Protein backbone atom coordinates (compact mmCIF):
# COMPACT_ATOMS: atom_id res chain seq x y z
CA UNK A 1 24.24 -8.01 131.56
CA UNK A 2 25.19 -6.23 127.98
CA UNK A 3 24.03 -2.83 127.34
CA UNK A 4 23.27 -1.53 124.36
CA UNK A 5 23.17 2.47 123.71
CA UNK A 6 20.12 3.18 121.95
CA UNK A 7 22.48 4.91 119.28
CA UNK A 8 23.86 1.81 118.57
CA UNK A 9 20.79 -0.19 118.32
CA UNK A 10 19.63 2.40 115.88
CA UNK A 11 22.13 1.84 113.74
CA UNK A 12 22.47 -2.12 113.82
CA UNK A 13 18.65 -1.05 112.54
CA UNK A 14 19.65 1.10 110.24
CA UNK A 15 21.94 -1.17 108.67
CA UNK A 16 19.65 -4.36 108.80
CA UNK A 17 17.56 -2.64 106.86
CA UNK A 18 20.07 -1.01 104.43
CA UNK A 19 21.09 -4.62 103.76
CA UNK A 20 17.39 -6.02 103.57
CA UNK A 21 16.50 -3.05 100.70
CA UNK A 22 19.72 -4.01 99.07
CA UNK A 23 18.91 -7.82 98.74
CA UNK A 24 15.20 -6.61 97.51
CA UNK A 25 16.49 -4.68 95.42
CA UNK A 26 18.42 -7.19 93.39
CA UNK A 27 15.73 -10.19 93.92
CA UNK A 28 13.35 -7.42 92.97
CA UNK A 29 11.42 -9.88 89.98
CA UNK A 30 11.40 -12.10 92.51
CA UNK A 31 8.62 -10.44 93.71
CA UNK A 32 6.52 -10.47 90.62
CA UNK A 33 7.58 -14.57 89.44
CA UNK A 34 6.18 -14.93 93.83
CA UNK A 35 2.65 -12.76 92.65
CA UNK A 36 2.22 -14.63 89.50
CA UNK A 37 2.71 -18.55 91.29
CA UNK A 38 0.31 -16.72 93.74
CA UNK A 39 -2.01 -16.30 90.86
CA UNK A 40 -1.53 -19.63 89.79
CA UNK A 41 -1.94 -22.07 92.28
CA UNK A 42 -4.85 -19.97 93.48
CA UNK A 43 -6.77 -21.08 90.16
CA UNK A 44 -5.32 -24.48 90.65
CA UNK A 45 -2.58 -24.10 88.03
CA UNK A 46 0.37 -26.07 87.62
CA UNK A 47 3.70 -24.76 85.56
CA UNK A 48 5.08 -26.50 83.03
CA UNK A 49 7.64 -26.95 79.94
CA UNK A 50 7.34 -28.61 76.17
CA UNK A 51 9.11 -28.67 73.54
CA UNK A 52 7.07 -27.81 69.79
CA UNK A 53 7.72 -25.72 66.53
CA UNK A 54 11.70 -25.74 67.70
CA UNK A 55 11.08 -23.43 71.33
CA UNK A 56 10.68 -25.18 74.56
CA UNK A 57 7.50 -23.17 75.70
CA UNK A 58 6.57 -22.73 79.97
CA UNK A 59 2.85 -23.25 80.26
CA UNK A 60 0.36 -23.34 83.20
CA UNK A 61 -1.86 -26.02 82.90
CA UNK A 62 -4.69 -28.11 85.05
CA UNK A 63 -6.41 -31.42 83.55
CA UNK A 64 -10.61 -31.16 83.52
CA UNK A 65 -12.10 -33.42 85.95
CA UNK A 66 -13.15 -36.12 83.45
CA UNK A 67 -10.22 -38.43 81.67
CA UNK A 68 -11.89 -37.19 78.42
CA UNK A 69 -11.98 -33.06 78.99
CA UNK A 70 -12.34 -31.09 76.70
CA UNK A 71 -8.90 -29.11 76.54
CA UNK A 72 -9.09 -24.93 76.11
CA UNK A 73 -5.83 -23.28 74.94
CA UNK A 74 -6.00 -19.69 75.86
CA UNK A 75 -3.41 -17.06 73.69
CA UNK A 76 -2.28 -14.13 75.22
CA UNK A 77 -1.33 -10.24 74.03
CA UNK A 78 0.90 -7.76 73.02
CA UNK A 79 3.40 -7.89 75.76
CA UNK A 80 1.76 -10.25 77.60
CA UNK A 81 1.80 -13.39 79.58
CA UNK A 82 0.03 -16.34 80.45
CA UNK A 83 -0.67 -14.49 83.57
CA UNK A 84 -3.08 -12.42 81.94
CA UNK A 85 -5.38 -15.84 81.05
CA UNK A 86 -5.31 -16.56 85.66
CA UNK A 87 -8.24 -14.64 86.69
CA UNK A 88 -10.42 -16.31 83.33
CA UNK A 89 -8.66 -19.17 84.60
CA UNK A 90 -9.93 -19.17 88.08
CA UNK A 91 -14.05 -18.92 87.89
CA UNK A 92 -13.83 -21.90 84.42
CA UNK A 93 -15.87 -24.71 84.47
CA UNK A 94 -13.70 -27.36 86.37
CA UNK A 95 -14.59 -29.66 83.92
CA UNK A 96 -12.13 -28.77 81.14
CA UNK A 97 -8.78 -29.70 80.57
CA UNK A 98 -6.92 -26.00 80.40
CA UNK A 99 -3.37 -25.07 78.31
CA UNK A 100 -2.50 -21.15 78.53
CA UNK A 101 0.86 -21.10 76.77
CA UNK A 102 3.59 -17.93 76.89
CA UNK A 103 3.65 -17.52 73.12
CA UNK A 104 7.35 -18.06 71.47
CA UNK A 105 9.27 -14.97 72.43
CA UNK A 106 7.22 -13.88 75.10
CA UNK A 107 7.21 -14.87 78.91
CA UNK A 108 9.44 -17.25 79.94
CA UNK A 109 9.38 -19.66 76.62
CA UNK A 110 12.11 -19.19 74.40
CA UNK A 111 12.95 -16.45 71.69
CA UNK A 112 15.33 -16.99 69.25
CA UNK A 113 17.73 -14.66 67.98
CA UNK A 114 16.52 -13.13 64.98
CA UNK A 115 13.24 -15.49 64.56
CA UNK A 116 10.55 -13.17 63.22
CA UNK A 117 6.57 -13.55 65.39
CA UNK A 118 4.56 -12.30 63.59
CA UNK A 119 0.78 -14.01 63.49
CA UNK A 120 1.81 -17.08 60.71
CA UNK A 121 4.61 -17.54 61.81
CA UNK A 122 2.66 -18.09 65.43
CA UNK A 123 0.17 -19.80 63.92
CA UNK A 124 2.09 -22.23 63.20
CA UNK A 125 4.15 -22.20 66.45
CA UNK A 126 0.78 -22.72 68.02
CA UNK A 127 -0.67 -25.49 65.84
CA UNK A 128 2.74 -27.14 66.50
CA UNK A 129 2.24 -27.02 70.45
CA UNK A 130 -1.66 -28.00 70.18
CA UNK A 131 -0.61 -32.00 68.28
CA UNK A 132 2.38 -31.88 70.82
CA UNK A 133 -0.48 -31.67 74.25
CA UNK A 134 -3.80 -32.47 72.78
CA UNK A 135 -2.31 -34.70 69.67
CA UNK A 136 -5.83 -37.08 69.59
CA UNK A 137 -8.50 -33.97 70.59
CA UNK A 138 -9.36 -31.51 69.02
CA UNK A 139 -9.38 -27.99 71.20
CA UNK A 140 -11.48 -25.29 71.90
CA UNK A 141 -8.96 -21.54 70.86
CA UNK A 142 -9.53 -18.91 73.12
CA UNK A 143 -7.24 -16.04 72.08
CA UNK A 144 -6.89 -12.14 73.33
CA UNK A 145 -5.81 -9.25 71.57
CA UNK A 146 -2.66 -10.33 69.71
CA UNK A 147 -3.30 -13.64 70.55
CA UNK A 148 -7.14 -13.13 69.56
CA UNK A 149 -4.90 -12.45 65.59
CA UNK A 150 -3.34 -16.27 66.12
CA UNK A 151 -5.99 -17.72 67.10
CA UNK A 152 -8.13 -16.69 64.31
CA UNK A 153 -5.24 -18.03 61.69
CA UNK A 154 -4.57 -21.06 63.35
CA UNK A 155 -8.48 -21.76 62.98
CA UNK A 156 -8.73 -20.79 59.15
CA UNK A 157 -5.00 -22.36 58.58
CA UNK A 158 -5.60 -25.97 60.48
CA UNK A 159 -8.86 -26.75 61.20
CA UNK A 160 -8.95 -30.32 62.06
CA UNK A 161 -6.89 -29.35 65.59
CA UNK A 162 -9.24 -26.84 66.40
CA UNK A 163 -12.81 -27.99 67.89
CA UNK A 164 -14.45 -24.01 68.64
CA UNK A 165 -13.05 -20.89 68.94
CA UNK A 166 -13.27 -17.45 71.01
CA UNK A 167 -11.67 -14.08 69.84
CA UNK A 168 -11.51 -11.52 72.10
CA UNK A 169 -10.18 -7.82 71.90
CA UNK A 170 -8.03 -9.35 68.84
CA UNK A 171 -5.86 -7.71 66.27
CA UNK A 172 -6.32 -8.34 62.79
CA UNK A 173 -8.52 -6.24 61.18
CA UNK A 174 -8.67 -3.12 60.39
CA UNK A 175 -10.64 -1.06 62.97
CA UNK A 176 -11.89 2.31 63.23
CA UNK A 177 -8.89 5.00 64.17
CA UNK A 178 -8.01 5.93 67.18
CA UNK A 179 -5.25 6.91 69.36
CA UNK A 180 -3.44 3.84 69.79
CA UNK A 181 -3.69 2.50 66.46
CA UNK A 182 -3.17 5.41 64.29
CA UNK A 183 0.18 5.48 66.89
CA UNK A 184 1.42 2.02 65.97
CA UNK A 185 0.86 2.93 62.12
CA UNK A 186 2.73 6.35 62.46
CA UNK A 187 5.89 3.78 64.06
CA UNK A 188 5.38 4.07 67.49
CA UNK A 189 4.60 1.40 69.99
CA UNK A 190 2.07 3.14 72.56
CA UNK A 191 2.60 0.02 74.58
CA UNK A 192 6.45 1.00 75.44
CA UNK A 193 7.34 1.13 79.37
CA UNK A 194 10.37 3.05 80.13
CA UNK A 195 9.80 4.88 83.17
CA UNK A 196 7.04 5.54 86.02
CA UNK A 197 4.61 7.63 83.74
CA UNK A 198 4.78 5.26 80.75
CA UNK A 199 3.91 1.95 83.14
CA UNK A 200 1.26 3.86 84.06
CA UNK A 201 -0.30 5.19 80.87
CA UNK A 202 0.09 1.92 79.68
CA UNK A 203 -2.03 -0.18 82.50
CA UNK A 204 -4.69 3.12 82.08
CA UNK A 205 -4.95 2.22 78.22
CA UNK A 206 -5.39 -1.78 78.15
CA UNK A 207 -7.88 -1.23 81.72
CA UNK A 208 -11.11 0.66 82.27
CA UNK A 209 -12.36 -0.56 84.78
CA UNK A 210 -9.43 0.99 87.93
CA UNK A 211 -10.62 -2.02 90.26
CA UNK A 212 -9.48 -4.30 88.06
CA UNK A 213 -6.08 -2.64 87.48
CA UNK A 214 -3.00 -4.16 89.09
CA UNK A 215 -1.36 -2.26 91.85
CA UNK A 216 2.95 -2.86 90.88
CA UNK A 217 4.61 -1.34 93.90
CA UNK A 218 7.85 -0.91 94.84
CA UNK A 219 10.57 -2.42 94.16
CA UNK A 220 8.57 -4.69 91.83
CA UNK A 221 7.25 -2.07 89.64
CA UNK A 222 11.19 -1.23 88.89
CA UNK A 223 11.96 -4.71 87.91
CA UNK A 224 8.90 -4.56 85.47
CA UNK A 225 9.96 -1.26 84.03
CA UNK A 226 13.73 -3.02 83.63
CA UNK A 227 11.77 -5.70 81.83
CA UNK A 228 10.20 -3.12 79.75
CA UNK A 229 12.49 -1.63 78.36
CA UNK A 230 15.08 -4.41 78.20
CA UNK A 231 11.96 -5.61 75.41
CA UNK A 232 11.94 -2.65 73.57
CA UNK A 233 13.64 -3.52 70.45
CA UNK A 234 11.65 -6.36 70.49
CA UNK A 235 8.72 -5.72 71.16
CA UNK A 236 8.79 -2.89 68.15
CA UNK A 237 10.02 -5.33 65.86
CA UNK A 238 6.70 -7.85 66.34
CA UNK A 239 4.64 -4.68 66.28
CA UNK A 240 6.23 -3.61 63.05
CA UNK A 241 5.28 -7.04 62.29
CA UNK A 242 1.13 -7.56 62.40
CA UNK A 243 0.84 -3.51 62.68
CA UNK A 244 2.12 -2.49 59.88
CA UNK A 245 2.97 -4.70 57.19
CA UNK A 246 0.62 -6.50 54.68
CA UNK A 247 0.71 -9.79 57.75
CA UNK A 248 -1.03 -7.40 59.80
CA UNK A 249 -4.72 -7.60 58.37
CA UNK A 250 -4.19 -11.39 58.34
CA UNK A 251 -5.98 -12.80 60.58
CA UNK A 252 -9.37 -11.25 58.97
CA UNK A 253 -8.35 -11.76 55.83
CA UNK A 254 -8.18 -15.67 56.29
CA UNK A 255 -10.78 -15.41 59.28
CA UNK A 256 -13.96 -16.36 56.17
CA UNK A 257 -11.91 -20.17 56.76
CA UNK A 258 -13.09 -20.41 60.13
CA UNK A 259 -16.78 -22.28 60.33
CA UNK A 260 -16.41 -23.93 63.63
CA UNK A 261 -18.52 -22.59 66.82
CA UNK A 262 -17.37 -19.31 67.21
CA UNK A 263 -17.41 -16.45 69.97
CA UNK A 264 -16.05 -13.35 69.20
CA UNK A 265 -16.11 -10.49 73.00
CA UNK A 266 -15.09 -6.66 73.01
CA UNK A 267 -15.15 -4.66 75.54
CA UNK A 268 -16.98 -1.06 74.80
CA UNK A 269 -14.83 0.67 75.98
CA UNK A 270 -11.51 -0.76 74.64
CA UNK A 271 -9.17 1.60 74.06
CA UNK A 272 -6.87 -0.41 72.45
CA UNK A 273 -8.25 -2.54 69.38
CA UNK A 274 -11.54 -1.07 68.68
CA UNK A 275 -14.63 -2.62 69.13
CA UNK A 276 -15.69 -1.91 65.44
CA UNK A 277 -12.83 -4.91 64.64
CA UNK A 278 -15.94 -6.73 66.08
CA UNK A 279 -18.55 -6.35 63.09
CA UNK A 280 -15.35 -6.33 60.92
CA UNK A 281 -14.51 -10.02 62.25
CA UNK A 282 -18.01 -11.28 62.17
CA UNK A 283 -19.02 -10.36 58.75
CA UNK A 284 -16.10 -12.50 57.77
CA UNK A 285 -17.28 -15.48 61.05
CA UNK A 286 -21.38 -15.10 60.97
CA UNK A 287 -21.98 -17.88 63.19
CA UNK A 288 -20.08 -16.03 65.88
CA UNK A 289 -21.90 -15.22 68.97
CA UNK A 290 -21.50 -11.35 69.47
CA UNK A 291 -20.90 -10.36 73.10
CA UNK A 292 -19.91 -6.19 74.34
CA UNK A 293 -19.14 -5.47 77.40
CA UNK A 294 -20.55 -2.77 79.27
CA UNK A 295 -17.97 -0.69 81.31
CA UNK A 296 -15.15 -2.62 80.01
CA UNK A 297 -11.56 -1.63 77.87
CA UNK A 298 -8.93 -4.49 76.28
CA UNK A 299 -8.16 -6.41 79.11
CA UNK A 300 -11.33 -8.10 78.90
CA UNK A 301 -9.97 -11.80 81.09
CA UNK A 302 -9.15 -9.73 84.19
CA UNK A 303 -11.63 -7.05 84.21
CA UNK A 304 -15.24 -9.25 83.66
CA UNK A 305 -13.86 -12.63 84.06
CA UNK A 306 -17.33 -14.39 85.10
CA UNK A 307 -19.01 -13.09 81.89
CA UNK A 308 -16.23 -14.32 79.63
CA UNK A 309 -16.52 -17.50 81.55
CA UNK A 310 -20.01 -17.58 80.76
CA UNK A 311 -19.71 -17.17 77.15
CA UNK A 312 -16.56 -19.56 76.95
CA UNK A 313 -19.57 -22.27 78.62
CA UNK A 314 -21.96 -21.43 76.05
CA UNK A 315 -18.93 -21.35 73.27
CA UNK A 316 -18.15 -24.81 74.64
CA UNK A 317 -21.62 -26.71 75.31
CA UNK A 318 -24.11 -25.10 72.96
CA UNK A 319 -25.47 -27.46 69.97
CA UNK A 320 -22.28 -30.16 71.88
CA UNK A 321 -22.55 -33.47 73.13
CA UNK A 322 -18.96 -32.90 75.43
C-alpha cells in the first residue's frame, strides 16, 4: 500500500491551488463573461451579431410572444454595456420583442480606430441598426444616460423609425451643477477606473441603493480594472465629444422635434445627471410623462427595474392599439 507523508500531501495541495490560481488569474475576464451569460439567460435573452453602419454589433434579444410583437430597443450609457439593461429585461412584459445592443465602440461591439462616437454619430449608427433589425415596424426606443441623449436624437431625426421614446437619466442638456458635471467640464473623467478604490468610487457614484450595487470579487475585479485602464483614452475621447463640445447639448436642442409619445424617468438621488435635467427635457417634450423615483440614483434601470417596467408598459400601451 502506498502511503503519503503529510508534508507531501500539503505540498501537492499547495501546488494544485497555485496552478488553479494562475489559471484563474489568466482567465479572470471569463468570470465576468460567465456572469453576464448567466444574467442574460435568466432574462430569457440570446446573444446575436449583426453588421450595420459599417460596424459589427453584438446584441441581446428576446422574441415577443406574438409574431407581430412590438420591438423595444434599449441603449446603454457611457462606460456601460447591454448588460446594464438585463434587470429591466427580466421583468419587462414578455409580449414585447427586445433588442439590446452594445453600442459601437463599447462592450463586445466593434470599435474602429479614429472613429468618432458622439451623439450624432451614434444616432446614425442606431438608425442603421433599427433599419437592419426592424425594417418594417417602428420601434419603442429607450435610452439611459448617454444612451438617452442618443435616443433623443434618433427620435428627433428619424421619426419614421421610432413609435415611442423613453429617456432615462438622460444626458444632453445643461443640468444644475453637481460634482460630476463640474469635473467633466474641467476636463476630467469622473468615471475613470484605475484601481480598486476608483472602482468602488465609480460604483458608489452611479448607484444610490446599497442593495443594488454589484459585488465584484477578485479576480473578476482585477479584470474589470484592467479593462477600464485599457479604455481610458477611448473614454476620454467620447467624454470630450459628448460633454465638452457644442455637440454636448445637441440632444436637448433637437428634443423639440420629438413628437412621439415619450417618457422621462429619473432617480431623485442621481449624482451623475442631476434630476433638474428632466424639467429641461420636459419643456422641449411637453407630451412626455415624467417619473421621478425616490431612493434611486443614476442606475434607475438596475436599482428599480419593476417601477421602470411599469412606466415603460404605460408608455407602450397608453393610447395604443398594440
